PDB file of N, CA and C in Angstrom:
ATOM      1  N   MET A   1      13.039   9.970   7.984  1.00  0.00           N
ATOM      2  CA  MET A   1      12.044   9.198   7.290  1.00  0.00           C
ATOM      3  C   MET A   1      12.330   9.262   5.806  1.00  0.00           C
ATOM      4  N   THR A   2      12.383   8.109   5.159  1.00  0.00           N
ATOM      5  CA  THR A   2      12.565   8.075   3.720  1.00  0.00           C
ATOM      6  C   THR A   2      11.281   7.585   3.080  1.00  0.00           C
ATOM      7  N   THR A   3      10.879   8.261   2.045  1.00  0.00           N
ATOM      8  CA  THR A   3       9.670   7.879   1.326  1.00  0.00           C
ATOM      9  C   THR A   3       9.982   7.911  -0.153  1.00  0.00           C
ATOM     10  N   GLU A   4       9.666   6.817  -0.847  1.00  0.00           N
ATOM     11  CA  GLU A   4       9.865   6.798  -2.276  1.00  0.00           C
ATOM     12  C   GLU A   4       8.716   6.028  -2.900  1.00  0.00           C
ATOM     13  N   ALA A   5       8.268   6.469  -4.037  1.00  0.00           N
ATOM     14  CA  ALA A   5       7.188   5.786  -4.745  1.00  0.00           C
ATOM     15  C   ALA A   5       7.734   5.226  -6.047  1.00  0.00           C
ATOM     16  N   ARG A   6       7.352   4.003  -6.359  1.00  0.00           N
ATOM     17  CA  ARG A   6       7.766   3.363  -7.605  1.00  0.00           C
ATOM     18  C   ARG A   6       6.534   3.257  -8.489  1.00  0.00           C
ATOM     19  N   MET A   7       6.581   3.852  -9.646  1.00  0.00           N
ATOM     20  CA  MET A   7       5.473   3.772 -10.583  1.00  0.00           C
ATOM     21  C   MET A   7       5.735   2.589 -11.494  1.00  0.00           C
ATOM     22  N   THR A   8       4.782   1.720 -11.635  1.00  0.00           N
ATOM     23  CA  THR A   8       4.987   0.489 -12.378  1.00  0.00           C
ATOM     24  C   THR A   8       4.238   0.448 -13.696  1.00  0.00           C
ATOM     25  N   SER A   9       3.544   1.502 -14.061  1.00  0.00           N
ATOM     26  CA  SER A   9       2.817   1.514 -15.322  1.00  0.00           C
ATOM     27  C   SER A   9       2.832   2.932 -15.889  1.00  0.00           C
ATOM     28  N   PRO A  10       3.163   3.090 -17.164  1.00  0.00           N
ATOM     29  CA  PRO A  10       3.209   4.441 -17.720  1.00  0.00           C
ATOM     30  C   PRO A  10       1.854   5.139 -17.713  1.00  0.00           C
ATOM     31  N   ASN A  11       0.759   4.397 -17.704  1.00  0.00           N
ATOM     32  CA  ASN A  11      -0.574   4.995 -17.701  1.00  0.00           C
ATOM     33  C   ASN A  11      -0.920   5.639 -16.368  1.00  0.00           C
ATOM     34  N   ILE A  12      -0.228   5.275 -15.314  1.00  0.00           N
ATOM     35  CA  ILE A  12      -0.553   5.803 -13.991  1.00  0.00           C
ATOM     36  C   ILE A  12       0.629   6.546 -13.378  1.00  0.00           C
ATOM     37  N   ALA A  13       1.507   7.038 -14.221  1.00  0.00           N
ATOM     38  CA  ALA A  13       2.730   7.702 -13.750  1.00  0.00           C
ATOM     39  C   ALA A  13       2.435   8.931 -12.903  1.00  0.00           C
ATOM     40  N   GLN A  14       1.277   9.522 -13.033  1.00  0.00           N
ATOM     41  CA  GLN A  14       0.958  10.717 -12.266  1.00  0.00           C
ATOM     42  C   GLN A  14       0.511  10.384 -10.839  1.00  0.00           C
ATOM     43  N   LEU A  15       0.248   9.139 -10.516  1.00  0.00           N
ATOM     44  CA  LEU A  15      -0.236   8.771  -9.193  1.00  0.00           C
ATOM     45  C   LEU A  15       0.906   8.614  -8.206  1.00  0.00           C
ATOM     46  N   GLN A  16       0.678   9.037  -6.981  1.00  0.00           N
ATOM     47  CA  GLN A  16       1.635   8.853  -5.899  1.00  0.00           C
ATOM     48  C   GLN A  16       1.144   7.714  -5.018  1.00  0.00           C
ATOM     49  N   GLY A  17       2.056   7.025  -4.385  1.00  0.00           N
ATOM     50  CA  GLY A  17       1.687   5.932  -3.507  1.00  0.00           C
ATOM     51  C   GLY A  17       1.190   6.418  -2.157  1.00  0.00           C
ATOM     52  N   VAL A  18       0.724   5.493  -1.366  1.00  0.00           N
ATOM     53  CA  VAL A  18       0.259   5.756  -0.013  1.00  0.00           C
ATOM     54  C   VAL A  18       1.477   5.768   0.899  1.00  0.00           C
ATOM     55  N   THR A  19       1.597   6.776   1.754  1.00  0.00           N
ATOM     56  CA  THR A  19       2.731   6.847   2.678  1.00  0.00           C
ATOM     57  C   THR A  19       2.251   6.697   4.115  1.00  0.00           C
ATOM     58  N   LEU A  20       3.164   6.312   4.970  1.00  0.00           N
ATOM     59  CA  LEU A  20       2.894   6.135   6.392  1.00  0.00           C
ATOM     60  C   LEU A  20       3.720   7.129   7.201  1.00  0.00           C
ATOM     61  N   THR A  21       3.265   7.430   8.407  1.00  0.00           N
ATOM     62  CA  THR A  21       4.114   8.173   9.326  1.00  0.00           C
ATOM     63  C   THR A  21       5.196   7.225   9.821  1.00  0.00           C
ATOM     64  N   SER A  22       6.244   7.753  10.401  1.00  0.00           N
ATOM     65  CA  SER A  22       7.316   6.905  10.929  1.00  0.00           C
ATOM     66  C   SER A  22       6.819   5.971  12.019  1.00  0.00           C
ATOM     67  N   SER A  23       5.924   6.450  12.883  1.00  0.00           N
ATOM     68  CA  SER A  23       5.421   5.582  13.963  1.00  0.00           C
ATOM     69  C   SER A  23       4.510   4.491  13.395  1.00  0.00           C
ATOM     70  N   ALA A  24       3.716   4.802  12.369  1.00  0.00           N
ATOM     71  CA  ALA A  24       2.886   3.773  11.742  1.00  0.00           C
ATOM     72  C   ALA A  24       3.763   2.742  11.041  1.00  0.00           C
ATOM     73  N   ALA A  25       4.807   3.197  10.370  1.00  0.00           N
ATOM     74  CA  ALA A  25       5.721   2.275   9.694  1.00  0.00           C
ATOM     75  C   ALA A  25       6.386   1.342  10.701  1.00  0.00           C
ATOM     76  N   ALA A  26       6.765   1.867  11.863  1.00  0.00           N
ATOM     77  CA  ALA A  26       7.392   1.030  12.896  1.00  0.00           C
ATOM     78  C   ALA A  26       6.428  -0.054  13.365  1.00  0.00           C
ATOM     79  N   LYS A  27       5.168   0.284  13.558  1.00  0.00           N
ATOM     80  CA  LYS A  27       4.172  -0.699  14.008  1.00  0.00           C
ATOM     81  C   LYS A  27       3.911  -1.742  12.926  1.00  0.00           C
ATOM     82  N   VAL A  28       3.782  -1.294  11.679  1.00  0.00           N
ATOM     83  CA  VAL A  28       3.554  -2.235  10.580  1.00  0.00           C
ATOM     84  C   VAL A  28       4.748  -3.171  10.439  1.00  0.00           C
ATOM     85  N   LYS A  29       5.961  -2.626  10.572  1.00  0.00           N
ATOM     86  CA  LYS A  29       7.170  -3.452  10.497  1.00  0.00           C
ATOM     87  C   LYS A  29       7.155  -4.525  11.585  1.00  0.00           C
ATOM     88  N   GLU A  30       6.737  -4.145  12.779  1.00  0.00           N
ATOM     89  CA  GLU A  30       6.623  -5.089  13.904  1.00  0.00           C
ATOM     90  C   GLU A  30       5.592  -6.189  13.585  1.00  0.00           C
ATOM     91  N   LEU A  31       4.454  -5.805  13.043  1.00  0.00           N
ATOM     92  CA  LEU A  31       3.408  -6.778  12.710  1.00  0.00           C
ATOM     93  C   LEU A  31       3.837  -7.719  11.591  1.00  0.00           C
ATOM     94  N   ILE A  32       4.538  -7.186  10.587  1.00  0.00           N
ATOM     95  CA  ILE A  32       5.037  -8.030   9.498  1.00  0.00           C
ATOM     96  C   ILE A  32       6.058  -9.021  10.046  1.00  0.00           C
ATOM     97  N   ALA A  33       6.922  -8.572  10.941  1.00  0.00           N
ATOM     98  CA  ALA A  33       7.915  -9.467  11.547  1.00  0.00           C
ATOM     99  C   ALA A  33       7.233 -10.605  12.292  1.00  0.00           C
ATOM    100  N   SER A  34       6.127 -10.315  12.951  1.00  0.00           N
ATOM    101  CA  SER A  34       5.413 -11.367  13.695  1.00  0.00           C
ATOM    102  C   SER A  34       4.743 -12.367  12.753  1.00  0.00           C
ATOM    103  N   GLU A  35       4.490 -11.966  11.509  1.00  0.00           N
ATOM    104  CA  GLU A  35       3.925 -12.883  10.507  1.00  0.00           C
ATOM    105  C   GLU A  35       4.981 -13.856   9.988  1.00  0.00           C
ATOM    106  N   GLY A  36       6.257 -13.480  10.090  1.00  0.00           N
ATOM    107  CA  GLY A  36       7.338 -14.364   9.687  1.00  0.00           C
ATOM    108  C   GLY A  36       7.671 -14.366   8.199  1.00  0.00           C
ATOM    109  N   ASP A  37       7.149 -13.435   7.435  1.00  0.00           N
ATOM    110  CA  ASP A  37       7.437 -13.356   6.000  1.00  0.00           C
ATOM    111  C   ASP A  37       7.930 -11.954   5.679  1.00  0.00           C
ATOM    112  N   LYS A  38       9.236 -11.795   5.555  1.00  0.00           N
ATOM    113  CA  LYS A  38       9.818 -10.469   5.363  1.00  0.00           C
ATOM    114  C   LYS A  38       9.495  -9.856   3.996  1.00  0.00           C
ATOM    115  N   ASP A  39       8.943 -10.649   3.077  1.00  0.00           N
ATOM    116  CA  ASP A  39       8.587 -10.137   1.756  1.00  0.00           C
ATOM    117  C   ASP A  39       7.187  -9.522   1.718  1.00  0.00           C
ATOM    118  N   MET A  40       6.482  -9.539   2.841  1.00  0.00           N
ATOM    119  CA  MET A  40       5.128  -8.985   2.870  1.00  0.00           C
ATOM    120  C   MET A  40       5.144  -7.461   2.820  1.00  0.00           C
ATOM    121  N   ALA A  41       4.043  -6.946   2.290  1.00  0.00           N
ATOM    122  CA  ALA A  41       3.811  -5.499   2.252  1.00  0.00           C
ATOM    123  C   ALA A  41       2.418  -5.255   2.810  1.00  0.00           C
ATOM    124  N   LEU A  42       2.160  -4.034   3.202  1.00  0.00           N
ATOM    125  CA  LEU A  42       0.825  -3.643   3.627  1.00  0.00           C
ATOM    126  C   LEU A  42       0.040  -3.257   2.385  1.00  0.00           C
ATOM    127  N   ARG A  43      -1.020  -3.995   2.101  1.00  0.00           N
ATOM    128  CA  ARG A  43      -1.868  -3.671   0.952  1.00  0.00           C
ATOM    129  C   ARG A  43      -3.065  -2.862   1.424  1.00  0.00           C
ATOM    130  N   VAL A  44      -3.298  -1.751   0.734  1.00  0.00           N
ATOM    131  CA  VAL A  44      -4.428  -0.871   1.021  1.00  0.00           C
ATOM    132  C   VAL A  44      -5.340  -0.917  -0.201  1.00  0.00           C
ATOM    133  N   GLY A  45      -6.633  -1.123   0.047  1.00  0.00           N
ATOM    134  CA  GLY A  45      -7.561  -1.197  -1.072  1.00  0.00           C
ATOM    135  C   GLY A  45      -8.897  -0.574  -0.741  1.00  0.00           C
ATOM    136  N   VAL A  46      -9.647  -0.300  -1.780  1.00  0.00           N
ATOM    137  CA  VAL A  46     -10.993   0.243  -1.658  1.00  0.00           C
ATOM    138  C   VAL A  46     -11.888  -0.609  -2.540  1.00  0.00           C
ATOM    139  N   LYS A  47     -13.039  -0.998  -2.001  1.00  0.00           N
ATOM    140  CA  LYS A  47     -13.987  -1.768  -2.804  1.00  0.00           C
ATOM    141  C   LYS A  47     -15.398  -1.265  -2.531  1.00  0.00           C
ATOM    142  N   ARG A  48     -16.283  -1.483  -3.485  1.00  0.00           N
ATOM    143  CA  ARG A  48     -17.680  -1.091  -3.315  1.00  0.00           C
ATOM    144  C   ARG A  48     -18.295  -1.907  -2.193  1.00  0.00           C
ATOM    145  N   SER A  49     -19.117  -1.217  -1.410  1.00  0.00           N
ATOM    146  CA  SER A  49     -19.770  -1.881  -0.289  1.00  0.00           C
ATOM    147  C   SER A  49     -21.153  -1.271  -0.108  1.00  0.00           C
ATOM    148  N   GLY A  50     -22.148  -2.090  -0.024  1.00  0.00           N
ATOM    149  CA  GLY A  50     -23.493  -1.571   0.181  1.00  0.00           C
ATOM    150  C   GLY A  50     -24.033  -0.896  -1.060  1.00  0.00           C
ATOM    151  N   CYS A  51     -25.053  -0.086  -0.864  1.00  0.00           N
ATOM    152  CA  CYS A  51     -25.746   0.560  -1.991  1.00  0.00           C
ATOM    153  C   CYS A  51     -24.963   1.717  -2.593  1.00  0.00           C
ATOM    154  N   SER A  52     -24.325   2.508  -1.779  1.00  0.00           N
ATOM    155  CA  SER A  52     -23.684   3.708  -2.325  1.00  0.00           C
ATOM    156  C   SER A  52     -22.378   4.054  -1.623  1.00  0.00           C
ATOM    157  N   GLY A  53     -21.695   3.072  -1.112  1.00  0.00           N
ATOM    158  CA  GLY A  53     -20.492   3.393  -0.364  1.00  0.00           C
ATOM    159  C   GLY A  53     -19.307   2.534  -0.738  1.00  0.00           C
ATOM    160  N   TYR A  54     -18.250   2.744  -0.022  1.00  0.00           N
ATOM    161  CA  TYR A  54     -17.018   2.005  -0.227  1.00  0.00           C
ATOM    162  C   TYR A  54     -16.527   1.475   1.104  1.00  0.00           C
ATOM    163  N   ALA A  55     -15.792   0.397   1.040  1.00  0.00           N
ATOM    164  CA  ALA A  55     -15.151  -0.165   2.224  1.00  0.00           C
ATOM    165  C   ALA A  55     -13.642  -0.124   1.992  1.00  0.00           C
ATOM    166  N   TYR A  56     -12.928   0.223   3.019  1.00  0.00           N
ATOM    167  CA  TYR A  56     -11.477   0.277   2.948  1.00  0.00           C
ATOM    168  C   TYR A  56     -10.929  -1.025   3.522  1.00  0.00           C
ATOM    169  N   ASP A  57      -9.902  -1.541   2.885  1.00  0.00           N
ATOM    170  CA  ASP A  57      -9.353  -2.841   3.237  1.00  0.00           C
ATOM    171  C   ASP A  57      -7.850  -2.706   3.417  1.00  0.00           C
ATOM    172  N   MET A  58      -7.309  -3.288   4.477  1.00  0.00           N
ATOM    173  CA  MET A  58      -5.865  -3.326   4.687  1.00  0.00           C
ATOM    174  C   MET A  58      -5.500  -4.724   5.150  1.00  0.00           C
ATOM    175  N   PHE A  59      -4.463  -5.284   4.534  1.00  0.00           N
ATOM    176  CA  PHE A  59      -3.988  -6.598   4.929  1.00  0.00           C
ATOM    177  C   PHE A  59      -2.554  -6.766   4.441  1.00  0.00           C
ATOM    178  N   PHE A  60      -1.882  -7.768   4.958  1.00  0.00           N
ATOM    179  CA  PHE A  60      -0.517  -8.051   4.527  1.00  0.00           C
ATOM    180  C   PHE A  60      -0.573  -8.946   3.305  1.00  0.00           C
ATOM    181  N   ASP A  61       0.275  -8.651   2.331  1.00  0.00           N
ATOM    182  CA  ASP A  61       0.245  -9.362   1.060  1.00  0.00           C
ATOM    183  C   ASP A  61       1.665  -9.490   0.532  1.00  0.00           C
ATOM    184  N   SER A  62       1.996 -10.662   0.020  1.00  0.00           N
ATOM    185  CA  SER A  62       3.312 -10.834  -0.600  1.00  0.00           C
ATOM    186  C   SER A  62       3.193 -10.951  -2.120  1.00  0.00           C
ATOM    187  N   ALA A  63       1.962 -10.935  -2.640  1.00  0.00           N
ATOM    188  CA  ALA A  63       1.744 -10.996  -4.087  1.00  0.00           C
ATOM    189  C   ALA A  63       1.591  -9.568  -4.621  1.00  0.00           C
ATOM    190  N   ILE A  64       2.652  -9.063  -5.207  1.00  0.00           N
ATOM    191  CA  ILE A  64       2.651  -7.702  -5.727  1.00  0.00           C
ATOM    192  C   ILE A  64       2.514  -7.776  -7.246  1.00  0.00           C
ATOM    193  N   ASP A  65       1.478  -7.153  -7.775  1.00  0.00           N
ATOM    194  CA  ASP A  65       1.226  -7.151  -9.209  1.00  0.00           C
ATOM    195  C   ASP A  65       2.090  -6.074  -9.870  1.00  0.00           C
ATOM    196  N   PRO A  66       2.554  -6.313 -11.081  1.00  0.00           N
ATOM    197  CA  PRO A  66       3.379  -5.295 -11.762  1.00  0.00           C
ATOM    198  C   PRO A  66       2.662  -3.960 -11.966  1.00  0.00           C
ATOM    199  N   THR A  67       1.336  -3.949 -11.943  1.00  0.00           N
ATOM    200  CA  THR A  67       0.603  -2.699 -12.131  1.00  0.00           C
ATOM    201  C   THR A  67       0.301  -1.985 -10.814  1.00  0.00           C
ATOM    202  N   ASP A  68       0.659  -2.599  -9.670  1.00  0.00           N
ATOM    203  CA  ASP A  68       0.434  -1.970  -8.368  1.00  0.00           C
ATOM    204  C   ASP A  68       1.311  -0.735  -8.193  1.00  0.00           C
ATOM    205  N   ILE A  69       0.823   0.195  -7.411  1.00  0.00           N
ATOM    206  CA  ILE A  69       1.617   1.346  -6.991  1.00  0.00           C
ATOM    207  C   ILE A  69       2.269   0.933  -5.671  1.00  0.00           C
ATOM    208  N   VAL A  70       3.585   1.034  -5.602  1.00  0.00           N
ATOM    209  CA  VAL A  70       4.324   0.626  -4.411  1.00  0.00           C
ATOM    210  C   VAL A  70       5.064   1.834  -3.862  1.00  0.00           C
ATOM    211  N   SER A  71       4.829   2.135  -2.598  1.00  0.00           N
ATOM    212  CA  SER A  71       5.602   3.186  -1.946  1.00  0.00           C
ATOM    213  C   SER A  71       6.286   2.566  -0.734  1.00  0.00           C
ATOM    214  N   GLU A  72       7.322   3.212  -0.270  1.00  0.00           N
ATOM    215  CA  GLU A  72       8.067   2.676   0.867  1.00  0.00           C
ATOM    216  C   GLU A  72       8.347   3.790   1.861  1.00  0.00           C
ATOM    217  N   THR A  73       8.058   3.516   3.120  1.00  0.00           N
ATOM    218  CA  THR A  73       8.331   4.457   4.199  1.00  0.00           C
ATOM    219  C   THR A  73       9.106   3.719   5.283  1.00  0.00           C
ATOM    220  N   ASP A  74      10.303   4.163   5.552  1.00  0.00           N
ATOM    221  CA  ASP A  74      11.153   3.570   6.601  1.00  0.00           C
ATOM    222  C   ASP A  74      11.263   2.058   6.472  1.00  0.00           C
ATOM    223  N   GLY A  75      11.403   1.566   5.249  1.00  0.00           N
ATOM    224  CA  GLY A  75      11.592   0.138   5.019  1.00  0.00           C
ATOM    225  C   GLY A  75      10.314  -0.678   4.938  1.00  0.00           C
ATOM    226  N   VAL A  76       9.156  -0.045   5.035  1.00  0.00           N
ATOM    227  CA  VAL A  76       7.876  -0.747   4.945  1.00  0.00           C
ATOM    228  C   VAL A  76       7.235  -0.412   3.601  1.00  0.00           C
ATOM    229  N   ARG A  77       6.941  -1.451   2.828  1.00  0.00           N
ATOM    230  CA  ARG A  77       6.270  -1.235   1.543  1.00  0.00           C
ATOM    231  C   ARG A  77       4.761  -1.167   1.749  1.00  0.00           C
ATOM    232  N   VAL A  78       4.140  -0.199   1.083  1.00  0.00           N
ATOM    233  CA  VAL A  78       2.687  -0.064   1.059  1.00  0.00           C
ATOM    234  C   VAL A  78       2.278  -0.202  -0.401  1.00  0.00           C
ATOM    235  N   VAL A  79       1.349  -1.120  -0.659  1.00  0.00           N
ATOM    236  CA  VAL A  79       0.958  -1.473  -2.011  1.00  0.00           C
ATOM    237  C   VAL A  79      -0.523  -1.187  -2.206  1.00  0.00           C
ATOM    238  N   ALA A  80      -0.868  -0.675  -3.381  1.00  0.00           N
ATOM    239  CA  ALA A  80      -2.277  -0.454  -3.712  1.00  0.00           C
ATOM    240  C   ALA A  80      -2.428  -0.514  -5.223  1.00  0.00           C
ATOM    241  N   ASP A  81      -3.595  -0.959  -5.659  1.00  0.00           N
ATOM    242  CA  ASP A  81      -3.869  -0.897  -7.091  1.00  0.00           C
ATOM    243  C   ASP A  81      -4.176   0.557  -7.447  1.00  0.00           C
ATOM    244  N   ALA A  82      -4.081   0.891  -8.719  1.00  0.00           N
ATOM    245  CA  ALA A  82      -4.231   2.286  -9.154  1.00  0.00           C
ATOM    246  C   ALA A  82      -5.599   2.863  -8.789  1.00  0.00           C
ATOM    247  N   ALA A  83      -6.661   2.078  -8.933  1.00  0.00           N
ATOM    248  CA  ALA A  83      -7.996   2.575  -8.615  1.00  0.00           C
ATOM    249  C   ALA A  83      -8.117   2.930  -7.131  1.00  0.00           C
ATOM    250  N   SER A  84      -7.537   2.108  -6.268  1.00  0.00           N
ATOM    251  CA  SER A  84      -7.588   2.378  -4.835  1.00  0.00           C
ATOM    252  C   SER A  84      -6.779   3.608  -4.460  1.00  0.00           C
ATOM    253  N   VAL A  85      -5.619   3.774  -5.094  1.00  0.00           N
ATOM    254  CA  VAL A  85      -4.764   4.924  -4.778  1.00  0.00           C
ATOM    255  C   VAL A  85      -5.507   6.233  -5.038  1.00  0.00           C
ATOM    256  N   THR A  86      -6.274   6.284  -6.112  1.00  0.00           N
ATOM    257  CA  THR A  86      -6.988   7.519  -6.420  1.00  0.00           C
ATOM    258  C   THR A  86      -8.038   7.851  -5.366  1.00  0.00           C
ATOM    259  N   MET A  87      -8.483   6.854  -4.600  1.00  0.00           N
ATOM    260  CA  MET A  87      -9.522   7.090  -3.606  1.00  0.00           C
ATOM    261  C   MET A  87      -8.997   7.301  -2.182  1.00  0.00           C
ATOM    262  N   VAL A  88      -7.733   6.938  -1.935  1.00  0.00           N
ATOM    263  CA  VAL A  88      -7.204   7.079  -0.574  1.00  0.00           C
ATOM    264  C   VAL A  88      -6.126   8.143  -0.444  1.00  0.00           C
ATOM    265  N   THR A  89      -5.706   8.725  -1.538  1.00  0.00           N
ATOM    266  CA  THR A  89      -4.682   9.763  -1.442  1.00  0.00           C
ATOM    267  C   THR A  89      -5.253  11.117  -1.762  1.00  0.00           C
TER     268      THR A  89
END
């Protein structure tokens, strides 16, 4: 299993990306292949939901912002904004 994180902003250099297990990466790779867009990544996010909670969001995305934290596990990119990374790692 290879895991590498790319930091895209000097202000968030201390943050690590979200990683997957090898079996999760294999499943995500299969799902991305079925979407037909090899440039897609798994985006993980957190947003406010309800009065005092958060909702976790995962979807395939090919729009990667330069400020996103991007990590890669077994050829699968996982993308998250800096605020979300602090809440899921």
